[in-house]
PDB file of N, CA and C in Angstrom:
ATOM      1  N   MET A   1       2.758   2.472   1.753  1.00  0.00           N
ATOM      2  CA  MET A   1       3.483   2.600   2.826  1.00  0.00           C
ATOM      3  C   MET A   1       3.537   1.319   3.965  1.00  0.00           C
ATOM      4  N   PHE A   2       2.243   0.683   3.954  1.00  0.00           N
ATOM      5  CA  PHE A   2       2.340  -0.507   4.929  1.00  0.00           C
ATOM      6  C   PHE A   2       3.513  -1.506   4.389  1.00  0.00           C
ATOM      7  N   TYR A   3       3.813  -1.762   3.080  1.00  0.00           N
ATOM      8  CA  TYR A   3       4.622  -2.644   2.795  1.00  0.00           C
ATOM      9  C   TYR A   3       6.015  -2.540   3.035  1.00  0.00           C
ATOM     10  N   ALA A   4       6.307  -0.289   2.934  1.00  0.00           N
ATOM     11  CA  ALA A   4       7.747  -0.254   3.336  1.00  0.00           C
ATOM     12  C   ALA A   4       8.073  -0.328   4.754  1.00  0.00           C
ATOM     13  N   ILE A   5       6.653  -0.615   5.411  1.00  0.00           N
ATOM     14  CA  ILE A   5       7.492  -0.428   6.904  1.00  0.00           C
ATOM     15  C   ILE A   5       7.752  -2.087   7.261  1.00  0.00           C
ATOM     16  N   GLU A   6       6.749  -2.687   6.649  1.00  0.00           N
ATOM     17  CA  GLU A   6       6.979  -4.375   6.873  1.00  0.00           C
ATOM     18  C   GLU A   6       8.283  -5.284   6.337  1.00  0.00           C
ATOM     19  N   ASP A   7       8.418  -4.133   5.076  1.00  0.00           N
ATOM     20  CA  ASP A   7       9.874  -4.247   4.240  1.00  0.00           C
ATOM     21  C   ASP A   7      11.131  -4.282   4.937  1.00  0.00           C
ATOM     22  N   ARG A   8      11.104  -2.983   6.268  1.00  0.00           N
ATOM     23  CA  ARG A   8      12.024  -2.739   7.418  1.00  0.00           C
ATOM     24  C   ARG A   8      11.926  -3.546   8.466  1.00  0.00           C
ATOM     25  N   ILE A   9      10.757  -4.325   8.549  1.00  0.00           N
ATOM     26  CA  ILE A   9      11.008  -5.024   9.816  1.00  0.00           C
ATOM     27  C   ILE A   9      11.305  -6.567   9.644  1.00  0.00           C
ATOM     28  N   ARG A  10      10.735  -7.003   8.278  1.00  0.00           N
ATOM     29  CA  ARG A  10      10.559  -8.468   7.893  1.00  0.00           C
ATOM     30  C   ARG A  10      11.873  -9.090   8.525  1.00  0.00           C
ATOM     31  N   GLY A  11      11.389 -10.611   9.222  1.00  0.00           N
ATOM     32  CA  GLY A  11      12.692 -11.203   9.473  1.00  0.00           C
ATOM     33  C   GLY A  11      12.944 -11.133  10.863  1.00  0.00           C
ATOM     34  N   LEU A  12      13.038  -9.486  11.927  1.00  0.00           N
ATOM     35  CA  LEU A  12      13.294  -9.346  12.896  1.00  0.00           C
ATOM     36  C   LEU A  12      12.610 -10.313  13.812  1.00  0.00           C
ATOM     37  N   PRO A  13      13.101 -10.489  15.747  1.00  0.00           N
ATOM     38  CA  PRO A  13      12.445 -11.165  16.101  1.00  0.00           C
ATOM     39  C   PRO A  13      11.007  -9.946  16.669  1.00  0.00           C
ATOM     40  N   ALA A  14       9.813 -10.849  17.097  1.00  0.00           N
ATOM     41  CA  ALA A  14       8.938 -10.181  17.495  1.00  0.00           C
ATOM     42  C   ALA A  14       8.792  -8.950  18.356  1.00  0.00           C
ATOM     43  N   ALA A  15       9.512  -9.002  19.168  1.00  0.00           N
ATOM     44  CA  ALA A  15       9.840  -7.967  19.826  1.00  0.00           C
ATOM     45  C   ALA A  15      10.246  -6.317  19.572  1.00  0.00           C
ATOM     46  N   HIS A  16      11.211  -7.208  18.764  1.00  0.00           N
ATOM     47  CA  HIS A  16      11.645  -5.717  17.642  1.00  0.00           C
ATOM     48  C   HIS A  16      10.534  -5.424  16.793  1.00  0.00           C
ATOM     49  N   ARG A  17       9.545  -6.087  16.173  1.00  0.00           N
ATOM     50  CA  ARG A  17       8.502  -5.717  15.348  1.00  0.00           C
ATOM     51  C   ARG A  17       7.659  -4.828  16.287  1.00  0.00           C
ATOM     52  N   ALA A  18       7.306  -5.482  17.493  1.00  0.00           N
ATOM     53  CA  ALA A  18       6.493  -4.844  18.003  1.00  0.00           C
ATOM     54  C   ALA A  18       7.062  -3.696  18.682  1.00  0.00           C
ATOM     55  N   ALA A  19       8.481  -3.434  18.677  1.00  0.00           N
ATOM     56  CA  ALA A  19       8.555  -2.058  18.745  1.00  0.00           C
ATOM     57  C   ALA A  19       8.674  -0.928  17.840  1.00  0.00           C
ATOM     58  N   GLY A  20       8.103  -1.308  16.406  1.00  0.00           N
ATOM     59  CA  GLY A  20       7.824  -0.546  15.588  1.00  0.00           C
ATOM     60  C   GLY A  20       6.420  -0.224  15.303  1.00  0.00           C
ATOM     61  N   ALA A  21       6.014  -0.289  16.592  1.00  0.00           N
ATOM     62  CA  ALA A  21       3.931  -0.318  16.389  1.00  0.00           C
ATOM     63  C   ALA A  21       3.768   1.187  16.072  1.00  0.00           C
ATOM     64  N   ALA A  22       4.453   1.944  16.892  1.00  0.00           N
ATOM     65  CA  ALA A  22       3.929   3.828  16.478  1.00  0.00           C
ATOM     66  C   ALA A  22       4.059   3.791  15.013  1.00  0.00           C
ATOM     67  N   ASP A  23       5.008   3.386  14.359  1.00  0.00           N
ATOM     68  CA  ASP A  23       4.864   3.781  12.656  1.00  0.00           C
ATOM     69  C   ASP A  23       4.118   3.291  12.091  1.00  0.00           C
ATOM     70  N   ARG A  24       3.384   2.101  12.707  1.00  0.00           N
ATOM     71  CA  ARG A  24       2.511   1.063  11.812  1.00  0.00           C
ATOM     72  C   ARG A  24       0.737   2.019  12.073  1.00  0.00           C
ATOM     73  N   HIS A  25       0.839   2.263  13.574  1.00  0.00           N
ATOM     74  CA  HIS A  25      -0.267   2.778  13.757  1.00  0.00           C
ATOM     75  C   HIS A  25      -0.455   4.295  12.897  1.00  0.00           C
ATOM     76  N   GLN A  26       0.686   5.164  12.717  1.00  0.00           N
ATOM     77  CA  GLN A  26       0.716   6.314  12.319  1.00  0.00           C
ATOM     78  C   GLN A  26       0.409   5.969  10.821  1.00  0.00           C
ATOM     79  N   ALA A  27       0.921   4.903  10.141  1.00  0.00           N
ATOM     80  CA  ALA A  27       0.740   4.349   8.845  1.00  0.00           C
ATOM     81  C   ALA A  27      -0.779   4.211   8.403  1.00  0.00           C
ATOM     82  N   VAL A  28      -1.346   3.696   9.639  1.00  0.00           N
ATOM     83  CA  VAL A  28      -2.847   3.144   9.396  1.00  0.00           C
ATOM     84  C   VAL A  28      -3.593   4.456   9.699  1.00  0.00           C
ATOM     85  N   ASP A  29      -3.311   5.032  10.726  1.00  0.00           N
ATOM     86  CA  ASP A  29      -4.354   6.669  10.657  1.00  0.00           C
ATOM     87  C   ASP A  29      -4.112   7.263   9.373  1.00  0.00           C
ATOM     88  N   ARG A  30      -2.642   7.460   8.931  1.00  0.00           N
ATOM     89  CA  ARG A  30      -2.856   8.491   8.121  1.00  0.00           C
ATOM     90  C   ARG A  30      -3.938   7.622   6.270  1.00  0.00           C
ATOM     91  N   GLY A  31      -3.973   6.043   6.461  1.00  0.00           N
ATOM     92  CA  GLY A  31      -4.857   5.756   5.531  1.00  0.00           C
ATOM     93  C   GLY A  31      -6.544   5.931   5.743  1.00  0.00           C
ATOM     94  N   ILE A  32      -6.407   5.822   6.920  1.00  0.00           N
ATOM     95  CA  ILE A  32      -7.994   5.861   7.132  1.00  0.00           C
ATOM     96  C   ILE A  32      -8.431   7.706   6.792  1.00  0.00           C
ATOM     97  N   GLN A  33      -7.480   8.650   7.413  1.00  0.00           N
ATOM     98  CA  GLN A  33      -8.020   9.669   6.929  1.00  0.00           C
ATOM     99  C   GLN A  33      -7.613  10.061   5.381  1.00  0.00           C
ATOM    100  N   THR A  34      -7.056   9.492   4.550  1.00  0.00           N
ATOM    101  CA  THR A  34      -7.069   9.204   3.541  1.00  0.00           C
ATOM    102  C   THR A  34      -8.340   9.267   2.685  1.00  0.00           C
ATOM    103  N   LEU A  35      -8.874   8.133   3.113  1.00  0.00           N
ATOM    104  CA  LEU A  35      -9.945   7.181   2.719  1.00  0.00           C
ATOM    105  C   LEU A  35     -10.607   8.395   3.175  1.00  0.00           C
ATOM    106  N   ALA A  36     -11.464   9.282   4.521  1.00  0.00           N
ATOM    107  CA  ALA A  36     -12.083   9.420   4.766  1.00  0.00           C
ATOM    108  C   ALA A  36     -11.820  11.122   4.317  1.00  0.00           C
ATOM    109  N   ARG A  37     -11.413  11.441   3.482  1.00  0.00           N
ATOM    110  CA  ARG A  37     -11.138  12.299   2.422  1.00  0.00           C
ATOM    111  C   ARG A  37     -11.285  12.153   0.877  1.00  0.00           C
ATOM    112  N   CYS A  38     -11.450  11.165   0.526  1.00  0.00           N
ATOM    113  CA  CYS A  38     -12.128  10.344  -0.565  1.00  0.00           C
ATOM    114  C   CYS A  38     -13.477  10.431  -0.591  1.00  0.00           C
ATOM    115  N   ALA A  39     -14.146  10.230   0.438  1.00  0.00           N
ATOM    116  CA  ALA A  39     -15.495   9.583   0.615  1.00  0.00           C
ATOM    117  C   ALA A  39     -16.403  10.109  -0.410  1.00  0.00           C
ATOM    118  N   LYS A  40     -16.263  11.695  -0.730  1.00  0.00           N
ATOM    119  CA  LYS A  40     -16.950  12.211  -1.197  1.00  0.00           C
ATOM    120  C   LYS A  40     -16.765  11.349  -2.732  1.00  0.00           C
ATOM    121  N   PHE A  41     -16.029  10.642  -3.206  1.00  0.00           N
ATOM    122  CA  PHE A  41     -15.823  10.181  -4.634  1.00  0.00           C
ATOM    123  C   PHE A  41     -15.891   8.843  -4.365  1.00  0.00           C
ATOM    124  N   GLY A  42     -16.902   8.323  -3.540  1.00  0.00           N
ATOM    125  CA  GLY A  42     -17.149   7.285  -3.733  1.00  0.00           C
ATOM    126  C   GLY A  42     -16.515   5.973  -3.066  1.00  0.00           C
ATOM    127  N   LEU A  43     -15.691   6.478  -2.233  1.00  0.00           N
ATOM    128  CA  LEU A  43     -15.146   5.551  -1.414  1.00  0.00           C
ATOM    129  C   LEU A  43     -15.533   5.301   0.086  1.00  0.00           C
ATOM    130  N   GLY A  44     -16.591   5.928   0.242  1.00  0.00           N
ATOM    131  CA  GLY A  44     -17.367   5.602   1.385  1.00  0.00           C
ATOM    132  C   GLY A  44     -17.136   3.733   1.993  1.00  0.00           C
ATOM    133  N   LYS A  45     -17.608   3.078   0.588  1.00  0.00           N
ATOM    134  CA  LYS A  45     -18.113   1.783   0.954  1.00  0.00           C
ATOM    135  C   LYS A  45     -16.728   1.164   1.655  1.00  0.00           C
ATOM    136  N   ALA A  46     -15.412   1.510   1.162  1.00  0.00           N
ATOM    137  CA  ALA A  46     -14.018   1.021   1.638  1.00  0.00           C
ATOM    138  C   ALA A  46     -14.035   1.683   3.140  1.00  0.00           C
ATOM    139  N   ILE A  47     -14.117   2.886   3.515  1.00  0.00           N
ATOM    140  CA  ILE A  47     -14.111   3.248   4.562  1.00  0.00           C
ATOM    141  C   ILE A  47     -14.780   2.701   5.540  1.00  0.00           C
ATOM    142  N   ARG A  48     -16.100   1.997   4.843  1.00  0.00           N
ATOM    143  CA  ARG A  48     -17.362   0.809   6.054  1.00  0.00           C
ATOM    144  C   ARG A  48     -16.416  -0.256   6.562  1.00  0.00           C
ATOM    145  N   TYR A  49     -15.958  -0.972   5.306  1.00  0.00           N
ATOM    146  CA  TYR A  49     -15.340  -2.140   5.598  1.00  0.00           C
ATOM    147  C   TYR A  49     -13.804  -1.785   6.503  1.00  0.00           C
ATOM    148  N   THR A  50     -13.023  -0.765   5.845  1.00  0.00           N
ATOM    149  CA  THR A  50     -11.686  -0.548   7.236  1.00  0.00           C
ATOM    150  C   THR A  50     -12.411  -0.577   8.689  1.00  0.00           C
ATOM    151  N   LEU A  51     -13.310  -0.011   8.687  1.00  0.00           N
ATOM    152  CA  LEU A  51     -13.587   0.689  10.407  1.00  0.00           C
ATOM    153  C   LEU A  51     -14.142  -0.674  10.778  1.00  0.00           C
ATOM    154  N   ASN A  52     -14.868  -1.883   9.980  1.00  0.00           N
ATOM    155  CA  ASN A  52     -16.120  -2.961  10.226  1.00  0.00           C
ATOM    156  C   ASN A  52     -14.784  -4.081  10.996  1.00  0.00           C
ATOM    157  N   ASN A  53     -13.288  -3.771   9.685  1.00  0.00           N
ATOM    158  CA  ASN A  53     -12.457  -4.742   9.781  1.00  0.00           C
ATOM    159  C   ASN A  53     -11.298  -4.185  10.819  1.00  0.00           C
ATOM    160  N   TRP A  54     -11.220  -3.208  11.707  1.00  0.00           N
ATOM    161  CA  TRP A  54     -10.511  -2.599  12.422  1.00  0.00           C
ATOM    162  C   TRP A  54      -9.769  -3.297  13.160  1.00  0.00           C
ATOM    163  N   GLY A  55     -10.255  -4.627  14.191  1.00  0.00           N
ATOM    164  CA  GLY A  55      -9.684  -5.197  14.820  1.00  0.00           C
ATOM    165  C   GLY A  55      -8.759  -5.983  14.318  1.00  0.00           C
ATOM    166  N   GLY A  56      -9.082  -6.541  13.213  1.00  0.00           N
ATOM    167  CA  GLY A  56      -7.775  -7.329  12.319  1.00  0.00           C
ATOM    168  C   GLY A  56      -7.095  -6.595  12.033  1.00  0.00           C
ATOM    169  N   LEU A  57      -7.164  -5.111  11.724  1.00  0.00           N
ATOM    170  CA  LEU A  57      -5.892  -4.283  11.339  1.00  0.00           C
ATOM    171  C   LEU A  57      -4.903  -3.961  12.615  1.00  0.00           C
ATOM    172  N   THR A  58      -5.846  -3.656  13.641  1.00  0.00           N
ATOM    173  CA  THR A  58      -4.728  -3.162  15.077  1.00  0.00           C
ATOM    174  C   THR A  58      -4.349  -4.723  15.479  1.00  0.00           C
ATOM    175  N   ARG A  59      -4.967  -5.719  15.070  1.00  0.00           N
ATOM    176  CA  ARG A  59      -3.840  -6.998  15.776  1.00  0.00           C
ATOM    177  C   ARG A  59      -2.584  -7.346  15.282  1.00  0.00           C
ATOM    178  N   LEU A  60      -2.772  -6.827  13.370  1.00  0.00           N
ATOM    179  CA  LEU A  60      -1.549  -7.111  13.148  1.00  0.00           C
ATOM    180  C   LEU A  60      -0.747  -5.424  13.312  1.00  0.00           C
ATOM    181  N   ILE A  61      -0.749  -4.725  13.538  1.00  0.00           N
ATOM    182  CA  ILE A  61      -0.071  -3.596  13.960  1.00  0.00           C
ATOM    183  C   ILE A  61       0.487  -4.013  15.445  1.00  0.00           C
ATOM    184  N   ASP A  62      -0.571  -4.141  16.240  1.00  0.00           N
ATOM    185  CA  ASP A  62       0.052  -4.268  17.629  1.00  0.00           C
ATOM    186  C   ASP A  62       0.992  -5.515  17.983  1.00  0.00           C
ATOM    187  N   ASP A  63       0.949  -6.814  17.153  1.00  0.00           N
ATOM    188  CA  ASP A  63       1.669  -8.097  17.343  1.00  0.00           C
ATOM    189  C   ASP A  63       2.538  -8.115  16.620  1.00  0.00           C
ATOM    190  N   GLY A  64       4.005  -7.864  17.065  1.00  0.00           N
ATOM    191  CA  GLY A  64       4.889  -8.083  16.222  1.00  0.00           C
ATOM    192  C   GLY A  64       4.906  -9.569  15.430  1.00  0.00           C
ATOM    193  N   ARG A  65       4.566 -10.650  16.056  1.00  0.00           N
ATOM    194  CA  ARG A  65       4.618 -11.909  15.547  1.00  0.00           C
ATOM    195  C   ARG A  65       3.752 -12.228  13.820  1.00  0.00           C
ATOM    196  N   ILE A  66       2.962 -10.861  13.551  1.00  0.00           N
ATOM    197  CA  ILE A  66       2.030 -11.069  12.750  1.00  0.00           C
ATOM    198  C   ILE A  66       2.297 -10.559  11.651  1.00  0.00           C
ATOM    199  N   GLU A  67       3.166 -11.068  10.017  1.00  0.00           N
ATOM    200  CA  GLU A  67       2.907 -10.272   9.214  1.00  0.00           C
ATOM    201  C   GLU A  67       1.839  -9.587   8.538  1.00  0.00           C
ATOM    202  N   ILE A  68       2.233  -8.725   7.128  1.00  0.00           N
ATOM    203  CA  ILE A  68       1.574  -8.229   6.754  1.00  0.00           C
ATOM    204  C   ILE A  68       0.574  -9.060   5.700  1.00  0.00           C
ATOM    205  N   ASP A  69       1.349 -10.579   5.304  1.00  0.00           N
ATOM    206  CA  ASP A  69       0.891 -10.923   4.431  1.00  0.00           C
ATOM    207  C   ASP A  69       1.853 -12.460   4.194  1.00  0.00           C
ATOM    208  N   ALA A  70       0.912 -13.586   3.894  1.00  0.00           N
ATOM    209  CA  ALA A  70       1.670 -14.945   4.215  1.00  0.00           C
ATOM    210  C   ALA A  70       2.757 -14.940   3.212  1.00  0.00           C
ATOM    211  N   ASP A  71       3.118 -14.192   2.115  1.00  0.00           N
ATOM    212  CA  ASP A  71       4.313 -14.851   1.556  1.00  0.00           C
ATOM    213  C   ASP A  71       5.277 -15.759   1.677  1.00  0.00           C
ATOM    214  N   THR A  72       5.770 -14.999   2.883  1.00  0.00           N
ATOM    215  CA  THR A  72       6.962 -15.687   3.180  1.00  0.00           C
ATOM    216  C   THR A  72       6.486 -17.381   3.636  1.00  0.00           C
ATOM    217  N   ALA A  73       5.398 -17.382   4.325  1.00  0.00           N
ATOM    218  CA  ALA A  73       5.201 -18.808   4.663  1.00  0.00           C
ATOM    219  C   ALA A  73       4.270 -19.968   3.820  1.00  0.00           C
ATOM    220  N   GLU A  74       4.051 -19.012   2.459  1.00  0.00           N
ATOM    221  CA  GLU A  74       3.827 -19.501   1.436  1.00  0.00           C
ATOM    222  C   GLU A  74       5.225 -20.078   0.367  1.00  0.00           C
ATOM    223  N   ARG A  75       5.770 -19.086   0.402  1.00  0.00           N
ATOM    224  CA  ARG A  75       7.034 -19.398  -0.566  1.00  0.00           C
ATOM    225  C   ARG A  75       7.678 -20.792   0.424  1.00  0.00           C
ATOM    226  N   SER A  76       7.724 -20.960   1.621  1.00  0.00           N
ATOM    227  CA  SER A  76       8.420 -22.038   2.373  1.00  0.00           C
ATOM    228  C   SER A  76       7.756 -23.068   1.718  1.00  0.00           C
ATOM    229  N   ILE A  77       6.317 -23.208   1.698  1.00  0.00           N
ATOM    230  CA  ILE A  77       5.977 -24.676   1.625  1.00  0.00           C
ATOM    231  C   ILE A  77       5.939 -24.718   0.220  1.00  0.00           C
ATOM    232  N   LYS A  78       6.061 -23.789  -1.131  1.00  0.00           N
ATOM    233  CA  LYS A  78       6.235 -24.171  -2.429  1.00  0.00           C
ATOM    234  C   LYS A  78       7.599 -24.763  -2.955  1.00  0.00           C
ATOM    235  N   ARG A  79       7.768 -25.286  -3.870  1.00  0.00           N
ATOM    236  CA  ARG A  79       8.717 -25.920  -4.625  1.00  0.00           C
ATOM    237  C   ARG A  79       9.548 -24.925  -5.368  1.00  0.00           C
TER     238      ARG A  79
END
């Protein structure tokens, strides 16, 4: 779900990417809720990891300049 949103906005100016913050916020919320429901199946550790790294996740969501991964930059420096 995160990559589907990123595919839609990749290459757009930062202002346009930031405008999609609501979609990204909803995707993160749905992801956290899914993890919370699965906690009884041993994913409690994943939930804690996610919540402990919440600042980094929200920085990606709120800042239109940041992409979900470094693939574009890595491809630009590889031959």
